[in-house]
N, C-alpha and C. Protein backbone atom coordinates (compact mmCIF):
# COMPACT_ATOMS: atom_id res chain seq x y z
N MET A 1 -0.10 29.24 28.83
CA MET A 1 0.34 29.19 27.48
C MET A 1 1.47 28.07 27.23
N LYS A 2 2.31 27.96 28.24
CA LYS A 2 3.19 26.96 28.09
C LYS A 2 2.70 25.59 28.03
N GLU A 3 1.59 25.37 28.75
CA GLU A 3 0.77 24.10 28.78
C GLU A 3 0.27 23.85 27.29
N ILE A 4 -0.22 24.83 26.61
CA ILE A 4 -0.93 24.72 25.28
C ILE A 4 0.32 24.37 24.28
N LEU A 5 1.47 24.99 24.48
CA LEU A 5 2.59 24.80 23.64
C LEU A 5 3.17 23.38 23.81
N ARG A 6 3.20 22.89 25.05
CA ARG A 6 3.66 21.64 25.31
C ARG A 6 2.70 20.54 24.74
N LEU A 7 1.28 20.85 24.91
CA LEU A 7 0.35 19.92 24.39
C LEU A 7 0.49 19.81 22.82
N THR A 8 0.67 21.07 22.20
CA THR A 8 0.89 21.09 20.63
C THR A 8 2.06 20.34 20.14
N LEU A 9 3.02 20.31 20.93
CA LEU A 9 4.36 19.82 20.54
C LEU A 9 4.20 18.25 20.69
N SER A 10 3.53 17.89 21.76
CA SER A 10 3.35 16.47 21.97
C SER A 10 2.46 15.89 20.86
N ILE A 11 1.38 16.57 20.65
CA ILE A 11 0.42 15.88 19.44
C ILE A 11 1.32 16.00 18.13
N GLY A 12 2.06 16.99 17.90
CA GLY A 12 2.75 17.01 16.71
C GLY A 12 3.75 15.87 16.52
N LEU A 13 4.41 15.58 17.76
CA LEU A 13 5.43 14.59 17.64
C LEU A 13 4.78 13.26 17.58
N VAL A 14 3.58 13.02 18.07
CA VAL A 14 2.89 11.67 17.93
C VAL A 14 2.55 11.50 16.46
N CYS A 15 2.04 12.59 15.79
CA CYS A 15 1.59 12.51 14.44
C CYS A 15 2.78 12.31 13.67
N LEU A 16 3.99 12.90 13.83
CA LEU A 16 5.22 12.70 13.05
C LEU A 16 5.65 11.30 13.22
N VAL A 17 5.60 10.67 14.38
CA VAL A 17 6.11 9.30 14.58
C VAL A 17 5.14 8.31 13.81
N GLY A 18 3.85 8.60 14.05
CA GLY A 18 2.89 7.86 13.38
C GLY A 18 2.92 7.77 11.94
N GLY A 19 3.06 9.07 11.40
CA GLY A 19 3.20 9.14 9.93
C GLY A 19 4.46 8.43 9.28
N ALA A 20 5.57 8.47 10.09
CA ALA A 20 6.80 7.80 9.61
C ALA A 20 6.63 6.43 9.71
N ALA A 21 5.86 5.85 10.77
CA ALA A 21 5.75 4.44 10.91
C ALA A 21 4.91 3.92 9.75
N LEU A 22 3.76 4.62 9.44
CA LEU A 22 2.84 4.17 8.32
C LEU A 22 3.53 4.22 6.95
N ALA A 23 4.53 5.22 6.77
CA ALA A 23 5.23 5.34 5.57
C ALA A 23 6.27 4.10 5.50
N TYR A 24 6.80 3.84 6.52
CA TYR A 24 7.88 2.71 6.50
C TYR A 24 7.07 1.31 6.25
N VAL A 25 5.93 1.04 6.88
CA VAL A 25 5.24 -0.13 6.68
C VAL A 25 4.78 -0.21 5.28
N ASN A 26 4.23 0.91 4.83
CA ASN A 26 3.64 0.94 3.40
C ASN A 26 4.91 0.64 2.42
N ALA A 27 6.02 1.09 2.64
CA ALA A 27 7.19 0.95 1.77
C ALA A 27 7.76 -0.57 1.86
N LYS A 28 7.54 -1.05 2.98
CA LYS A 28 8.01 -2.53 3.19
C LYS A 28 7.08 -3.49 2.60
N THR A 29 5.90 -3.26 2.61
CA THR A 29 4.84 -4.17 2.10
C THR A 29 4.37 -3.83 0.63
N GLU A 30 5.03 -2.93 -0.01
CA GLU A 30 4.65 -2.53 -1.36
C GLU A 30 4.86 -3.66 -2.37
N ALA A 31 6.09 -4.15 -2.16
CA ALA A 31 6.50 -5.13 -3.08
C ALA A 31 5.63 -6.51 -3.05
N PRO A 32 5.54 -6.94 -1.69
CA PRO A 32 4.62 -8.26 -1.54
C PRO A 32 3.26 -7.85 -2.02
N ARG A 33 2.68 -6.69 -1.67
CA ARG A 33 1.29 -6.52 -2.13
C ARG A 33 1.14 -6.39 -3.74
N GLN A 34 2.20 -5.94 -4.38
CA GLN A 34 2.30 -5.84 -5.91
C GLN A 34 2.24 -7.28 -6.46
N ALA A 35 3.12 -8.14 -5.75
CA ALA A 35 3.32 -9.49 -6.26
C ALA A 35 2.00 -10.20 -6.11
N ALA A 36 1.42 -10.03 -5.05
CA ALA A 36 0.06 -10.69 -4.76
C ALA A 36 -0.97 -10.23 -5.83
N ALA A 37 -1.00 -8.93 -6.10
CA ALA A 37 -1.94 -8.47 -7.19
C ALA A 37 -1.52 -9.06 -8.64
N ASP A 38 -0.36 -9.22 -8.82
CA ASP A 38 0.10 -9.65 -10.10
C ASP A 38 -0.34 -11.05 -10.22
N ARG A 39 -0.18 -11.92 -9.04
CA ARG A 39 -0.56 -13.41 -9.10
C ARG A 39 -2.21 -13.46 -9.30
N THR A 40 -2.96 -12.49 -8.65
CA THR A 40 -4.28 -12.60 -8.83
C THR A 40 -4.67 -12.26 -10.18
N LEU A 41 -4.00 -11.27 -10.83
CA LEU A 41 -4.35 -11.01 -12.16
C LEU A 41 -4.04 -12.04 -13.12
N ALA A 42 -2.90 -12.75 -12.98
CA ALA A 42 -2.50 -13.88 -13.83
C ALA A 42 -3.56 -15.01 -13.69
N ASP A 43 -4.03 -15.33 -12.64
CA ASP A 43 -4.98 -16.34 -12.37
C ASP A 43 -6.33 -15.93 -12.99
N SER A 44 -6.72 -14.72 -12.96
CA SER A 44 -7.94 -14.19 -13.50
C SER A 44 -7.94 -14.22 -14.97
N LEU A 45 -6.72 -13.91 -15.58
CA LEU A 45 -6.59 -13.87 -17.12
C LEU A 45 -6.87 -15.28 -17.63
N LYS A 46 -6.33 -16.32 -16.82
CA LYS A 46 -6.46 -17.80 -17.32
C LYS A 46 -7.99 -18.14 -17.42
N LEU A 47 -8.92 -17.44 -16.64
CA LEU A 47 -10.22 -17.80 -16.67
C LEU A 47 -11.02 -17.24 -17.93
N VAL A 48 -10.57 -16.01 -18.34
CA VAL A 48 -11.38 -15.42 -19.47
C VAL A 48 -10.69 -15.65 -20.75
N LEU A 49 -9.49 -16.36 -20.91
CA LEU A 49 -8.65 -16.47 -22.06
C LEU A 49 -8.83 -18.01 -22.40
N PRO A 50 -8.44 -18.18 -23.69
CA PRO A 50 -8.55 -19.76 -24.21
C PRO A 50 -7.48 -20.65 -23.41
N PRO A 51 -7.85 -21.89 -23.36
CA PRO A 51 -7.08 -22.86 -22.50
C PRO A 51 -5.74 -23.01 -23.06
N GLU A 52 -5.52 -22.70 -24.34
CA GLU A 52 -4.19 -22.98 -25.08
C GLU A 52 -3.34 -21.79 -24.87
N THR A 53 -3.67 -20.78 -24.17
CA THR A 53 -2.85 -19.52 -23.77
C THR A 53 -1.61 -20.06 -23.05
N ALA A 54 -0.42 -19.65 -23.56
CA ALA A 54 0.89 -20.21 -23.01
C ALA A 54 1.48 -18.95 -22.21
N SER A 55 1.25 -17.72 -22.67
CA SER A 55 1.64 -16.54 -21.93
C SER A 55 0.84 -15.39 -22.17
N THR A 56 1.03 -14.32 -21.30
CA THR A 56 0.28 -13.13 -21.58
C THR A 56 1.23 -11.93 -21.41
N ALA A 57 0.92 -10.82 -22.00
CA ALA A 57 1.81 -9.64 -21.93
C ALA A 57 0.92 -8.48 -22.03
N GLN A 58 1.35 -7.44 -21.20
CA GLN A 58 0.50 -6.42 -21.14
C GLN A 58 0.68 -5.44 -22.47
N ALA A 59 -0.37 -5.15 -23.03
CA ALA A 59 -0.23 -4.05 -24.33
C ALA A 59 -0.62 -2.75 -23.93
N PRO A 60 -0.51 -1.89 -24.77
CA PRO A 60 -0.77 -0.41 -24.62
C PRO A 60 -2.20 -0.21 -24.14
N SER A 61 -2.49 0.69 -23.13
CA SER A 61 -3.75 1.00 -22.75
C SER A 61 -4.42 1.92 -23.76
N VAL A 62 -5.74 1.77 -23.78
CA VAL A 62 -6.63 2.65 -24.69
C VAL A 62 -7.75 3.33 -23.90
N ASP A 63 -7.84 4.58 -23.81
CA ASP A 63 -8.87 5.21 -23.20
C ASP A 63 -9.16 4.74 -21.75
N GLY A 64 -8.04 4.52 -20.92
CA GLY A 64 -8.04 4.17 -19.69
C GLY A 64 -8.35 2.65 -19.45
N VAL A 65 -8.49 1.80 -20.65
CA VAL A 65 -8.65 0.34 -20.43
C VAL A 65 -7.42 -0.26 -20.63
N ASP A 66 -6.99 -1.19 -19.72
CA ASP A 66 -5.63 -1.86 -19.84
C ASP A 66 -5.92 -3.26 -20.65
N PHE A 67 -5.01 -3.42 -21.52
CA PHE A 67 -5.20 -4.63 -22.50
C PHE A 67 -4.02 -5.62 -22.21
N TYR A 68 -4.28 -6.87 -22.38
CA TYR A 68 -3.30 -7.81 -22.40
C TYR A 68 -3.43 -8.90 -23.48
N ASP A 69 -2.33 -9.13 -24.09
CA ASP A 69 -2.20 -9.92 -25.22
C ASP A 69 -1.99 -11.43 -24.82
N ALA A 70 -2.81 -12.46 -25.38
CA ALA A 70 -2.50 -13.75 -25.09
C ALA A 70 -1.93 -14.52 -26.10
N LYS A 71 -0.89 -15.10 -26.00
CA LYS A 71 -0.05 -15.95 -26.98
C LYS A 71 -0.06 -17.41 -26.80
N ASP A 72 -0.04 -18.23 -27.79
CA ASP A 72 0.05 -19.55 -27.68
C ASP A 72 1.63 -20.07 -27.63
N SER A 73 1.86 -21.33 -27.57
CA SER A 73 3.24 -21.76 -27.43
C SER A 73 4.13 -21.34 -28.58
N THR A 74 3.60 -21.11 -29.66
CA THR A 74 4.40 -20.53 -30.88
C THR A 74 4.53 -18.97 -30.84
N GLY A 75 4.03 -18.40 -29.94
CA GLY A 75 4.27 -16.98 -29.80
C GLY A 75 3.11 -16.25 -30.60
N GLN A 76 2.10 -16.91 -31.24
CA GLN A 76 1.02 -16.31 -31.99
C GLN A 76 0.04 -15.71 -31.04
N THR A 77 -0.45 -14.49 -31.33
CA THR A 77 -1.52 -13.84 -30.35
C THR A 77 -2.87 -14.46 -30.83
N ILE A 78 -3.52 -15.02 -29.77
CA ILE A 78 -4.63 -15.86 -30.08
C ILE A 78 -5.89 -15.15 -29.56
N ALA A 79 -5.62 -14.28 -28.60
CA ALA A 79 -6.84 -13.53 -27.88
C ALA A 79 -6.16 -12.40 -27.16
N ARG A 80 -7.04 -11.63 -26.45
CA ARG A 80 -6.58 -10.60 -25.59
C ARG A 80 -7.62 -10.42 -24.53
N ALA A 81 -7.32 -9.66 -23.40
CA ALA A 81 -8.29 -9.53 -22.31
C ALA A 81 -7.94 -8.06 -22.03
N ALA A 82 -9.14 -7.50 -21.36
CA ALA A 82 -9.00 -5.95 -20.99
C ALA A 82 -9.75 -5.76 -19.73
N VAL A 83 -9.20 -4.77 -19.01
CA VAL A 83 -9.90 -4.47 -17.68
C VAL A 83 -10.61 -3.11 -17.90
N GLY A 84 -11.88 -3.17 -17.73
CA GLY A 84 -12.81 -1.98 -17.87
C GLY A 84 -13.28 -1.56 -16.37
N THR A 85 -13.57 -0.30 -16.31
CA THR A 85 -14.02 0.26 -15.05
C THR A 85 -15.27 1.13 -15.22
N SER A 86 -15.99 0.93 -14.19
CA SER A 86 -17.23 1.79 -14.06
C SER A 86 -17.42 2.41 -12.64
N ARG A 87 -17.91 3.60 -12.59
CA ARG A 87 -18.20 4.20 -11.34
C ARG A 87 -19.60 4.40 -11.06
N LEU A 88 -20.40 3.56 -11.76
CA LEU A 88 -21.95 3.52 -11.50
C LEU A 88 -22.38 2.51 -10.44
N GLY A 89 -21.38 1.82 -9.97
CA GLY A 89 -21.81 0.74 -8.96
C GLY A 89 -22.55 1.28 -7.79
N PHE A 90 -23.35 0.57 -7.13
CA PHE A 90 -24.04 0.93 -5.86
C PHE A 90 -23.16 1.24 -4.69
N GLY A 91 -21.98 0.41 -4.75
CA GLY A 91 -20.87 0.77 -3.80
C GLY A 91 -19.75 1.39 -4.26
N GLY A 92 -19.92 1.95 -5.36
CA GLY A 92 -18.65 2.82 -5.92
C GLY A 92 -18.08 2.04 -7.10
N GLU A 93 -16.73 2.17 -7.25
CA GLU A 93 -15.98 1.74 -8.39
C GLU A 93 -16.20 0.16 -8.53
N LEU A 94 -16.30 -0.18 -9.74
CA LEU A 94 -16.41 -1.67 -10.15
C LEU A 94 -15.49 -1.95 -11.34
N LYS A 95 -14.67 -3.12 -11.33
CA LYS A 95 -13.90 -3.35 -12.51
C LYS A 95 -14.27 -4.86 -13.04
N VAL A 96 -14.15 -4.87 -14.34
CA VAL A 96 -14.40 -6.18 -14.89
C VAL A 96 -13.25 -6.51 -15.80
N LEU A 97 -12.96 -7.79 -15.96
CA LEU A 97 -12.00 -8.43 -16.84
C LEU A 97 -12.72 -9.20 -17.99
N VAL A 98 -12.51 -8.72 -19.30
CA VAL A 98 -13.29 -9.33 -20.37
C VAL A 98 -12.25 -9.93 -21.28
N GLY A 99 -12.42 -11.26 -21.73
CA GLY A 99 -11.69 -11.94 -22.71
C GLY A 99 -12.38 -11.73 -23.99
N LEU A 100 -11.46 -11.50 -25.12
CA LEU A 100 -11.93 -11.10 -26.43
C LEU A 100 -11.15 -12.01 -27.49
N THR A 101 -11.83 -12.56 -28.48
CA THR A 101 -11.22 -13.12 -29.61
C THR A 101 -10.52 -12.17 -30.50
N PRO A 102 -9.73 -12.61 -31.45
CA PRO A 102 -8.98 -11.72 -32.27
C PRO A 102 -10.15 -10.94 -33.08
N ASP A 103 -11.27 -11.38 -33.37
CA ASP A 103 -12.21 -10.58 -34.16
C ASP A 103 -13.23 -9.98 -33.26
N ASN A 104 -12.82 -9.76 -32.01
CA ASN A 104 -13.69 -8.96 -31.06
C ASN A 104 -15.00 -9.52 -30.70
N ARG A 105 -14.93 -10.80 -30.29
CA ARG A 105 -16.33 -11.45 -29.68
C ARG A 105 -15.80 -11.66 -28.12
N VAL A 106 -16.83 -11.57 -27.48
CA VAL A 106 -16.56 -11.77 -26.03
C VAL A 106 -16.40 -13.25 -25.66
N LEU A 107 -15.27 -13.62 -25.08
CA LEU A 107 -14.91 -14.81 -24.52
C LEU A 107 -15.59 -15.08 -23.18
N GLY A 108 -15.53 -14.12 -22.29
CA GLY A 108 -15.95 -14.25 -21.00
C GLY A 108 -15.77 -13.12 -20.14
N VAL A 109 -16.61 -12.95 -19.11
CA VAL A 109 -16.57 -11.59 -18.37
C VAL A 109 -16.53 -11.96 -16.90
N MET A 110 -15.71 -11.54 -16.02
CA MET A 110 -15.72 -11.69 -14.69
C MET A 110 -15.48 -10.37 -13.92
N VAL A 111 -16.08 -10.10 -12.87
CA VAL A 111 -15.90 -8.82 -12.03
C VAL A 111 -14.75 -9.14 -11.11
N THR A 112 -13.73 -8.20 -11.16
CA THR A 112 -12.62 -8.46 -10.30
C THR A 112 -12.58 -7.53 -9.14
N GLU A 113 -13.20 -6.59 -9.14
CA GLU A 113 -13.31 -5.54 -7.99
C GLU A 113 -14.76 -4.91 -7.91
N HIS A 114 -15.21 -5.05 -6.69
CA HIS A 114 -16.59 -4.39 -6.56
C HIS A 114 -16.94 -4.20 -5.06
N SER A 115 -17.81 -3.28 -4.64
CA SER A 115 -18.39 -3.26 -3.46
C SER A 115 -19.97 -3.16 -3.32
N GLU A 116 -20.43 -4.21 -4.13
CA GLU A 116 -21.79 -4.21 -4.24
C GLU A 116 -22.40 -4.92 -3.03
N THR A 117 -23.83 -4.69 -2.80
CA THR A 117 -24.60 -5.24 -1.70
C THR A 117 -24.54 -6.75 -1.72
N PRO A 118 -24.00 -7.45 -0.67
CA PRO A 118 -24.19 -8.89 -0.66
C PRO A 118 -25.53 -9.36 -0.79
N GLY A 119 -25.82 -10.47 -1.51
CA GLY A 119 -27.10 -10.97 -1.66
C GLY A 119 -27.97 -10.20 -2.79
N LEU A 120 -27.62 -9.11 -3.13
CA LEU A 120 -28.46 -8.30 -4.17
C LEU A 120 -27.54 -7.98 -5.31
N GLY A 121 -26.72 -7.01 -5.10
CA GLY A 121 -25.83 -6.65 -6.12
C GLY A 121 -24.80 -7.67 -6.70
N THR A 122 -24.56 -8.53 -5.55
CA THR A 122 -23.55 -9.59 -5.95
C THR A 122 -24.18 -10.63 -6.78
N LYS A 123 -25.36 -10.61 -7.11
CA LYS A 123 -26.07 -11.42 -8.06
C LYS A 123 -25.65 -11.25 -9.35
N ALA A 124 -25.14 -10.02 -9.76
CA ALA A 124 -24.75 -9.59 -11.05
C ALA A 124 -23.23 -9.61 -11.08
N THR A 125 -22.56 -9.71 -9.99
CA THR A 125 -20.96 -9.55 -9.99
C THR A 125 -20.30 -10.92 -9.64
N ASP A 126 -20.81 -11.75 -8.74
CA ASP A 126 -20.09 -12.79 -8.28
C ASP A 126 -20.35 -14.15 -9.01
N ARG A 127 -19.28 -14.85 -9.13
CA ARG A 127 -19.39 -16.24 -9.76
C ARG A 127 -19.16 -17.28 -8.55
N LYS A 128 -20.18 -17.90 -8.06
CA LYS A 128 -20.25 -18.73 -6.84
C LYS A 128 -20.75 -20.02 -7.21
N ALA A 129 -20.02 -21.20 -6.98
CA ALA A 129 -20.40 -22.41 -7.24
C ALA A 129 -21.63 -22.80 -6.37
N GLN A 130 -22.64 -23.43 -6.87
CA GLN A 130 -23.67 -23.92 -6.04
C GLN A 130 -23.42 -25.39 -5.70
N LYS A 131 -23.38 -25.60 -4.40
CA LYS A 131 -23.12 -27.01 -3.87
C LYS A 131 -24.20 -27.41 -3.11
N SER A 132 -24.93 -28.57 -3.32
CA SER A 132 -25.95 -28.90 -2.44
C SER A 132 -25.25 -29.93 -1.26
N LEU A 133 -26.00 -30.06 -0.25
CA LEU A 133 -25.51 -30.99 0.85
C LEU A 133 -25.22 -32.32 0.22
N TRP A 134 -26.04 -32.80 -0.46
CA TRP A 134 -26.00 -34.16 -1.13
C TRP A 134 -24.66 -34.15 -1.75
N ASP A 135 -24.37 -33.28 -2.62
CA ASP A 135 -23.18 -33.29 -3.41
C ASP A 135 -21.96 -33.43 -2.61
N VAL A 136 -22.01 -32.58 -1.47
CA VAL A 136 -20.90 -32.48 -0.59
C VAL A 136 -20.67 -33.99 0.10
N LEU A 137 -21.83 -34.52 0.61
CA LEU A 137 -21.71 -35.77 1.29
C LEU A 137 -21.30 -36.94 0.34
N ALA A 138 -21.86 -36.84 -0.96
CA ALA A 138 -21.45 -37.97 -1.90
C ALA A 138 -20.05 -37.77 -2.54
N GLY A 139 -19.46 -36.59 -2.16
CA GLY A 139 -18.07 -36.45 -2.81
C GLY A 139 -18.17 -35.82 -4.11
N LYS A 140 -19.34 -35.36 -4.58
CA LYS A 140 -19.53 -34.92 -5.98
C LYS A 140 -19.01 -33.44 -6.13
N ALA A 141 -19.08 -32.74 -5.16
CA ALA A 141 -18.84 -31.29 -5.01
C ALA A 141 -17.36 -31.04 -5.53
N THR A 142 -17.11 -30.24 -6.61
CA THR A 142 -15.88 -29.93 -7.11
C THR A 142 -15.68 -28.41 -7.04
N ASP A 143 -14.42 -27.95 -6.94
CA ASP A 143 -14.20 -26.48 -6.93
C ASP A 143 -14.13 -26.01 -8.42
N ASP A 144 -15.08 -25.03 -8.81
CA ASP A 144 -15.07 -24.58 -10.12
C ASP A 144 -14.58 -23.11 -10.12
N ALA A 145 -13.47 -22.98 -10.80
CA ALA A 145 -12.66 -21.68 -10.80
C ALA A 145 -13.56 -20.67 -11.52
N PHE A 146 -14.52 -21.07 -12.34
CA PHE A 146 -15.29 -19.99 -13.17
C PHE A 146 -16.73 -20.56 -13.18
N PRO A 147 -17.33 -20.48 -11.99
CA PRO A 147 -18.85 -20.82 -11.88
C PRO A 147 -19.68 -20.06 -12.66
N PRO A 148 -20.64 -20.59 -13.16
CA PRO A 148 -21.75 -19.87 -14.13
C PRO A 148 -22.40 -18.64 -13.27
N ASN A 149 -22.58 -17.70 -14.06
CA ASN A 149 -23.56 -16.48 -13.59
C ASN A 149 -24.26 -16.01 -14.69
N ALA A 150 -25.55 -16.17 -14.67
CA ALA A 150 -26.49 -15.98 -15.83
C ALA A 150 -26.35 -14.59 -16.52
N TYR A 151 -26.09 -13.55 -15.55
CA TYR A 151 -25.97 -12.24 -16.14
C TYR A 151 -24.64 -12.06 -16.85
N LEU A 152 -23.54 -12.34 -16.22
CA LEU A 152 -22.25 -12.21 -16.91
C LEU A 152 -22.06 -13.18 -18.05
N ASP A 153 -22.74 -14.37 -17.98
CA ASP A 153 -22.53 -15.27 -19.22
C ASP A 153 -23.36 -14.72 -20.36
N ALA A 154 -24.29 -13.90 -20.18
CA ALA A 154 -25.10 -13.35 -21.25
C ALA A 154 -24.28 -12.55 -22.22
N PHE A 155 -23.03 -12.09 -21.95
CA PHE A 155 -22.21 -11.38 -22.71
C PHE A 155 -21.40 -12.26 -23.64
N ALA A 156 -21.15 -13.49 -23.26
CA ALA A 156 -20.23 -14.38 -23.87
C ALA A 156 -20.62 -14.75 -25.36
N GLY A 157 -19.87 -14.86 -26.26
CA GLY A 157 -20.15 -15.26 -27.71
C GLY A 157 -20.77 -14.09 -28.57
N ARG A 158 -20.94 -13.01 -27.93
CA ARG A 158 -21.46 -11.88 -28.72
C ARG A 158 -20.42 -10.90 -29.19
N PRO A 159 -20.55 -10.17 -30.26
CA PRO A 159 -19.69 -9.19 -30.69
C PRO A 159 -19.57 -8.04 -29.61
N ALA A 160 -18.23 -7.64 -29.53
CA ALA A 160 -17.92 -6.55 -28.53
C ALA A 160 -18.13 -5.17 -29.17
N THR A 161 -19.54 -4.92 -29.48
CA THR A 161 -19.84 -3.81 -30.15
C THR A 161 -20.65 -2.81 -29.32
N GLY A 162 -20.80 -3.22 -27.97
CA GLY A 162 -21.64 -2.46 -27.11
C GLY A 162 -22.94 -3.16 -26.81
N PHE A 163 -23.41 -2.92 -25.54
CA PHE A 163 -24.57 -3.66 -25.01
C PHE A 163 -25.46 -2.69 -24.28
N SER A 164 -26.72 -3.11 -24.29
CA SER A 164 -27.70 -2.36 -23.50
C SER A 164 -28.57 -3.32 -22.55
N LEU A 165 -29.24 -2.81 -21.64
CA LEU A 165 -30.08 -3.53 -20.86
C LEU A 165 -31.53 -3.73 -21.51
N GLY A 166 -32.09 -4.76 -21.34
CA GLY A 166 -33.49 -4.89 -21.92
C GLY A 166 -34.17 -6.10 -21.29
N GLY A 167 -35.22 -6.37 -21.76
CA GLY A 167 -36.16 -7.38 -21.16
C GLY A 167 -35.77 -8.85 -21.34
N ASP A 168 -34.89 -9.09 -22.40
CA ASP A 168 -34.43 -10.39 -22.62
C ASP A 168 -32.90 -10.31 -23.02
N SER A 169 -32.43 -11.41 -23.31
CA SER A 169 -30.89 -11.49 -23.70
C SER A 169 -30.79 -12.01 -25.16
N GLN A 170 -31.13 -10.93 -25.96
CA GLN A 170 -31.00 -11.28 -27.35
C GLN A 170 -30.25 -10.13 -28.09
N GLY A 171 -29.70 -10.58 -29.16
CA GLY A 171 -28.89 -9.44 -29.99
C GLY A 171 -27.84 -8.82 -29.07
N GLN A 172 -27.78 -7.64 -28.91
CA GLN A 172 -26.80 -6.91 -27.98
C GLN A 172 -27.50 -6.51 -26.72
N THR A 173 -28.52 -7.10 -26.40
CA THR A 173 -29.29 -6.75 -25.18
C THR A 173 -29.08 -7.77 -24.31
N VAL A 174 -28.88 -7.36 -22.88
CA VAL A 174 -28.76 -8.36 -21.75
C VAL A 174 -29.91 -7.99 -20.79
N GLN A 175 -30.33 -9.08 -20.19
CA GLN A 175 -31.33 -8.90 -19.23
C GLN A 175 -30.99 -8.56 -17.84
N ALA A 176 -31.42 -7.62 -17.23
CA ALA A 176 -31.06 -7.28 -15.78
C ALA A 176 -31.48 -8.17 -14.83
N ILE A 177 -30.87 -8.21 -13.71
CA ILE A 177 -31.45 -9.17 -12.61
C ILE A 177 -32.30 -8.29 -11.64
N SER A 178 -33.42 -8.81 -11.41
CA SER A 178 -34.39 -8.12 -10.51
C SER A 178 -33.68 -7.75 -9.09
N GLY A 179 -33.80 -6.58 -8.75
CA GLY A 179 -33.17 -6.29 -7.38
C GLY A 179 -31.66 -5.88 -7.50
N ALA A 180 -31.17 -6.04 -8.70
CA ALA A 180 -29.74 -5.72 -8.87
C ALA A 180 -29.53 -4.85 -10.08
N THR A 181 -30.47 -4.03 -10.35
CA THR A 181 -30.48 -3.25 -11.66
C THR A 181 -29.18 -2.32 -11.67
N ILE A 182 -28.93 -1.59 -10.60
CA ILE A 182 -27.76 -0.67 -10.52
C ILE A 182 -26.50 -1.36 -10.71
N SER A 183 -26.31 -2.60 -10.04
CA SER A 183 -25.05 -3.34 -10.27
C SER A 183 -24.98 -3.91 -11.70
N CYS A 184 -26.15 -4.19 -12.37
CA CYS A 184 -26.15 -4.71 -13.58
C CYS A 184 -25.76 -3.59 -14.60
N LYS A 185 -26.15 -2.29 -14.28
CA LYS A 185 -25.81 -1.18 -15.03
C LYS A 185 -24.33 -0.87 -14.96
N ALA A 186 -23.72 -1.13 -13.85
CA ALA A 186 -22.37 -0.90 -13.65
C ALA A 186 -21.59 -1.83 -14.35
N VAL A 187 -21.89 -3.17 -14.26
CA VAL A 187 -21.15 -4.16 -15.12
C VAL A 187 -21.35 -3.92 -16.56
N LEU A 188 -22.35 -3.51 -17.04
CA LEU A 188 -22.68 -3.21 -18.49
C LEU A 188 -21.78 -1.98 -18.96
N ASP A 189 -21.68 -1.03 -18.08
CA ASP A 189 -20.93 0.16 -18.35
C ASP A 189 -19.46 -0.09 -18.40
N ALA A 190 -18.99 -1.04 -17.50
CA ALA A 190 -17.58 -1.27 -17.60
C ALA A 190 -17.22 -2.16 -18.88
N VAL A 191 -18.06 -3.07 -19.17
CA VAL A 191 -18.02 -3.98 -20.21
C VAL A 191 -18.01 -3.02 -21.60
N ASN A 192 -19.02 -2.15 -21.58
CA ASN A 192 -18.97 -1.31 -22.78
C ASN A 192 -17.82 -0.42 -23.01
N ALA A 193 -17.10 -0.01 -21.78
CA ALA A 193 -15.76 0.56 -21.85
C ALA A 193 -14.88 -0.25 -22.70
N VAL A 194 -14.84 -1.49 -22.39
CA VAL A 194 -13.85 -2.41 -23.06
C VAL A 194 -14.21 -2.52 -24.57
N CYS A 195 -15.55 -2.62 -24.84
CA CYS A 195 -15.94 -2.60 -26.28
C CYS A 195 -15.55 -1.48 -26.98
N CYS A 196 -15.65 -0.25 -26.40
CA CYS A 196 -15.31 0.93 -27.17
C CYS A 196 -13.95 1.00 -27.36
N ALA A 197 -13.05 0.66 -26.35
CA ALA A 197 -11.68 0.62 -26.41
C ALA A 197 -11.06 -0.30 -27.59
N ALA A 198 -11.83 -1.46 -27.61
CA ALA A 198 -11.37 -2.52 -28.58
C ALA A 198 -11.78 -2.16 -29.85
N HIS A 199 -12.88 -1.44 -30.09
CA HIS A 199 -13.32 -0.88 -31.28
C HIS A 199 -12.27 0.20 -31.81
N THR A 200 -11.70 1.02 -30.79
CA THR A 200 -10.79 2.02 -31.19
C THR A 200 -9.46 1.28 -31.87
N ILE A 201 -9.14 0.21 -31.18
CA ILE A 201 -7.90 -0.42 -31.64
C ILE A 201 -8.15 -1.08 -33.08
N GLU A 202 -9.35 -1.64 -33.18
CA GLU A 202 -9.66 -2.20 -34.53
C GLU A 202 -9.75 -1.26 -35.54
N GLY A 203 -9.92 -0.02 -35.27
CA GLY A 203 -10.13 0.99 -36.35
C GLY A 203 -8.72 1.70 -36.59
N ARG A 204 -7.74 1.33 -35.90
CA ARG A 204 -6.41 1.87 -36.36
C ARG A 204 -5.82 1.34 -37.50
């Protein structure tokens, strides 16, 4: 009986010390992690907003969608960006950042968080520059912060009134990528969440 009690106390003490250590580390690293997240967001906002954007400021959220107003050097609001979320991804939750014009047309779309299958689902989520060996050897390869993605780019320039998957990319229809249908649906769902929230703001 005493042996069981001693073992229980030992395990409890180990758990207590381990929990306290984890809590301490989490508290000490919270500020640096938040600062890193803020820098990543700021860099991402630059990619989906107009180049004349001088500053961004967080605006009120709508239906779970976070909005950011983009202002020029005179303080005039020239665009906005929004973060949409979908839980339809093959690997779980997926988030997109969508740039919008003042009249609610899509400027650009990028996926900021996902757990999709590499080589399949990532065809619909990732923006990766294609560099040939010749380009690298010839010194022609340059780092593109916003490489093209046929699926994500299909949203650009269209009204943010909601999209659907179809056999082509016309009107409000976007064509899914073969082998990445689930990921395409998740991106579409997240973009449509932004469209719905933007429409709510417009109707106020």
